[in-house]
Amino acid sequence: MVMVKATAATYEWLHQEFTDGVGDTWLCVCFVQDVPPDEALRRIGVVAGSPLEGFGVAAYRARGGTALVEYGWGAIVHDRAGLLSEGSAAAAVCVTIKGADFTFHQNGDLLTTFSLYSYRYREGAEPDRLEADVTDLGLHIGGDEPGFADNPAAAALALAERATGVRFSPAAYRRTALVGSTEHLHPYA
């Protein structure tokens, strides 16, 4: 079986799900390799089944692991990707009016992180680890030329899949997820 690499088009549906009618996006997602949904929630301090009165996380079983989708503005799943990656790998994408960032951790170590609008300023233990995929997905506009990727949020989600091997499909998103409140976690608490 030939595996087709994820593209921005693969995740346009998820980007649109979290974009309002005027183009503002509030999306924070983390793909966690080979970790089941209940364990992923436990690692970030979220109790599955806790009441959602405002902010929370939904953990979906996806091919190759778990996709965590955050409801709120705190970037909990992005900021705790290192915890999620213990004995595994985790890639998080967070796009809001405050910024647009990608981070990739493996075994608790930050390998690479960058703004979707300034790849050249990437950081981490292996900042160039995903460079071929970043370039292939159009997230890195070459040289000193100004310019941005056509759809950086969807392209970053495709990069998260390529980095972790976790594929999150619309069918998986429609399935029932484990959910839990994040209101007890910083910055909400």
Protein backbone atom coordinates (compact mmCIF):
# COMPACT_ATOMS: atom_id res chain seq x y z
CA MET A 1 0.00 0.00 0.00
CA VAL A 2 1.40 3.40 -1.01
CA MET A 3 0.96 6.11 1.62
CA VAL A 4 -0.08 9.47 0.26
CA LYS A 5 1.52 12.36 2.11
CA ALA A 6 -0.87 14.79 3.78
CA THR A 7 -1.27 18.17 2.08
CA ALA A 8 -2.95 21.41 3.09
CA ALA A 9 -6.04 20.18 1.21
CA THR A 10 -6.13 17.14 3.54
CA TYR A 11 -6.87 19.44 6.50
CA GLU A 12 -8.79 22.30 4.91
CA TRP A 13 -11.97 20.87 6.49
CA LEU A 14 -10.52 21.21 10.02
CA HIS A 15 -9.21 24.70 9.36
CA GLN A 16 -12.66 25.77 8.12
CA GLU A 17 -14.37 24.17 11.13
CA PHE A 18 -12.54 26.65 13.39
CA THR A 19 -12.67 29.72 11.16
CA ASP A 20 -15.54 32.18 11.44
CA GLY A 21 -17.28 33.90 8.55
CA VAL A 22 -14.86 36.83 8.49
CA GLY A 23 -11.63 34.82 8.36
CA ASP A 24 -10.62 34.69 12.03
CA THR A 25 -9.32 31.29 13.08
CA TRP A 26 -9.30 29.91 16.64
CA LEU A 27 -7.72 26.48 16.28
CA CYS A 28 -5.52 24.56 18.70
CA VAL A 29 -4.91 20.88 17.87
CA CYS A 30 -2.29 18.34 18.90
CA PHE A 31 -1.59 14.99 17.24
CA VAL A 32 -0.11 12.41 19.64
CA GLN A 33 1.45 9.25 18.24
CA ASP A 34 0.42 5.86 19.66
CA VAL A 35 -1.23 7.28 22.78
CA PRO A 36 -4.94 6.52 23.42
CA PRO A 37 -7.36 9.40 24.11
CA ASP A 38 -7.78 8.72 27.85
CA GLU A 39 -4.00 8.66 28.39
CA ALA A 40 -3.51 11.83 26.35
CA LEU A 41 -6.03 13.67 28.53
CA ARG A 42 -4.42 12.32 31.71
CA ARG A 43 -0.98 13.53 30.63
CA ILE A 44 -2.16 17.13 30.41
CA GLY A 45 -4.18 17.05 33.63
CA VAL A 46 -7.67 16.82 32.11
CA VAL A 47 -10.15 14.42 33.67
CA ALA A 48 -12.21 12.68 30.99
CA GLY A 49 -15.89 13.29 31.56
CA SER A 50 -15.44 16.40 33.69
CA PRO A 51 -18.20 18.91 32.96
CA LEU A 52 -17.56 21.35 30.14
CA GLU A 53 -18.93 24.65 31.33
CA GLY A 54 -16.67 26.70 29.12
CA PHE A 55 -13.20 25.64 28.10
CA GLY A 56 -12.10 22.09 27.42
CA VAL A 57 -10.37 19.50 25.28
CA ALA A 58 -11.86 16.76 23.12
CA ALA A 59 -9.69 13.68 22.54
CA TYR A 60 -10.47 11.75 19.34
CA ARG A 61 -9.13 8.35 18.41
CA ALA A 62 -7.34 8.83 15.09
CA ARG A 63 -5.32 6.51 12.88
CA GLY A 64 -1.93 6.22 14.56
CA GLY A 65 -2.87 7.82 17.88
CA THR A 66 -5.00 10.65 19.23
CA ALA A 67 -6.03 14.09 18.03
CA LEU A 68 -6.70 16.60 20.78
CA VAL A 69 -8.90 19.55 19.85
CA GLU A 70 -9.08 22.43 22.30
CA TYR A 71 -12.12 24.60 22.86
CA GLY A 72 -10.97 27.87 24.37
CA TRP A 73 -8.13 30.35 24.04
CA GLY A 74 -5.54 28.98 26.48
CA ALA A 75 -3.43 26.83 24.09
CA ILE A 76 -3.25 24.04 26.69
CA VAL A 77 -2.59 21.27 24.13
CA HIS A 78 0.06 23.37 22.38
CA ASP A 79 1.85 24.35 25.57
CA ARG A 80 1.76 20.79 26.96
CA ALA A 81 2.90 18.97 23.81
CA GLY A 82 6.12 18.03 25.59
CA LEU A 83 4.17 16.13 28.26
CA LEU A 84 2.11 14.46 25.57
CA SER A 85 5.22 13.28 23.73
CA GLU A 86 6.75 11.24 26.59
CA GLY A 87 7.65 7.87 25.02
CA SER A 88 6.03 9.11 21.83
CA ALA A 89 5.82 12.13 19.53
CA ALA A 90 3.42 15.08 19.56
CA ALA A 91 2.92 17.92 17.10
CA ALA A 92 0.71 20.90 17.94
CA VAL A 93 -0.74 23.66 15.81
CA CYS A 94 -2.22 26.77 17.40
CA VAL A 95 -3.69 29.52 15.23
CA THR A 96 -5.49 32.49 16.82
CA ILE A 97 -5.55 36.24 16.40
CA LYS A 98 -2.56 36.28 18.79
CA GLY A 99 -0.32 34.12 16.59
CA ALA A 100 0.14 31.01 14.51
CA ASP A 101 2.59 28.42 15.80
CA PHE A 102 3.77 24.87 15.23
CA THR A 103 5.68 22.74 17.73
CA PHE A 104 7.04 19.20 17.53
CA HIS A 105 8.23 17.19 20.55
CA GLN A 106 9.58 13.66 20.80
CA ASN A 107 10.16 11.82 24.09
CA GLY A 108 9.60 15.08 25.97
CA ASP A 109 12.21 17.01 23.97
CA LEU A 110 11.36 20.05 21.86
CA LEU A 111 12.75 19.25 18.42
CA THR A 112 11.39 22.23 16.50
CA THR A 113 9.04 25.14 16.95
CA PHE A 114 8.28 28.09 14.72
CA SER A 115 5.72 30.71 13.81
CA LEU A 116 3.81 29.85 10.64
CA TYR A 117 4.84 33.30 9.41
CA SER A 118 8.56 33.12 10.19
CA TYR A 119 10.00 29.65 9.71
CA ARG A 120 13.48 31.15 9.43
CA TYR A 121 13.39 31.87 13.19
CA ARG A 122 12.73 28.25 14.18
CA GLU A 123 14.16 26.88 17.41
CA GLY A 124 14.64 23.53 19.13
CA ALA A 125 17.12 20.69 19.50
CA GLU A 126 16.71 19.75 15.82
CA PRO A 127 15.18 22.84 14.20
CA ASP A 128 15.71 21.54 10.64
CA ARG A 129 14.26 18.06 11.30
CA LEU A 130 11.08 18.74 9.29
CA GLU A 131 12.53 21.17 6.75
CA ALA A 132 11.86 19.01 3.68
CA ASP A 133 8.18 18.67 4.64
CA VAL A 134 7.95 22.35 5.62
CA THR A 135 9.22 23.30 2.17
CA ASP A 136 7.03 20.74 0.40
CA LEU A 137 3.94 22.11 2.19
CA GLY A 138 4.81 25.72 1.30
CA LEU A 139 5.31 26.84 4.90
CA HIS A 140 8.76 28.25 4.16
CA ILE A 141 8.94 31.03 1.64
CA GLY A 142 12.53 31.01 0.46
CA GLY A 143 15.24 33.55 1.07
CA ASP A 144 14.53 37.07 2.19
CA GLU A 145 11.50 37.49 -0.06
CA PRO A 146 8.37 38.58 1.76
CA GLY A 147 5.43 36.26 1.49
CA PHE A 148 3.30 33.80 3.36
CA ALA A 149 1.98 30.32 2.72
CA ASP A 150 -1.42 30.26 1.02
CA ASN A 151 -3.06 28.32 3.84
CA PRO A 152 -0.61 28.02 6.73
CA ALA A 153 -3.07 26.53 9.24
CA ALA A 154 -4.10 23.62 7.01
CA ALA A 155 -0.48 23.13 5.85
CA ALA A 156 0.70 23.04 9.50
CA LEU A 157 -1.92 20.39 10.30
CA ALA A 158 -0.59 18.34 7.38
CA LEU A 159 2.92 18.82 8.80
CA ALA A 160 1.69 17.56 12.19
CA GLU A 161 0.42 14.41 10.48
CA ARG A 162 3.68 13.90 8.61
CA ALA A 163 5.72 14.40 11.80
CA THR A 164 3.69 12.03 13.99
CA GLY A 165 2.01 9.62 11.57
CA VAL A 166 -1.36 10.48 13.15
CA ARG A 167 -4.10 10.96 10.54
CA PHE A 168 -7.19 12.83 11.71
CA SER A 169 -10.07 12.45 9.29
CA PRO A 170 -13.50 14.11 9.13
CA ALA A 171 -14.99 10.68 10.00
CA ALA A 172 -12.86 10.51 13.17
CA TYR A 173 -13.93 14.05 14.07
CA ARG A 174 -17.61 13.06 13.78
CA ARG A 175 -17.16 10.18 16.24
CA THR A 176 -17.81 10.65 19.92
CA ALA A 177 -14.75 12.01 21.71
CA LEU A 178 -13.61 11.87 25.31
CA VAL A 179 -13.95 15.39 26.68
CA GLY A 180 -12.84 17.18 29.78
CA SER A 181 -12.64 20.66 31.23
CA THR A 182 -9.49 22.77 31.18
CA GLU A 183 -10.89 25.51 33.43
CA HIS A 184 -8.70 24.35 36.34
CA LEU A 185 -5.50 24.74 34.27
CA HIS A 186 -3.38 27.84 33.66
CA PRO A 187 -4.24 30.33 32.11
CA TYR A 188 -7.88 29.72 33.03
CA ALA A 189 -7.41 29.02 36.75
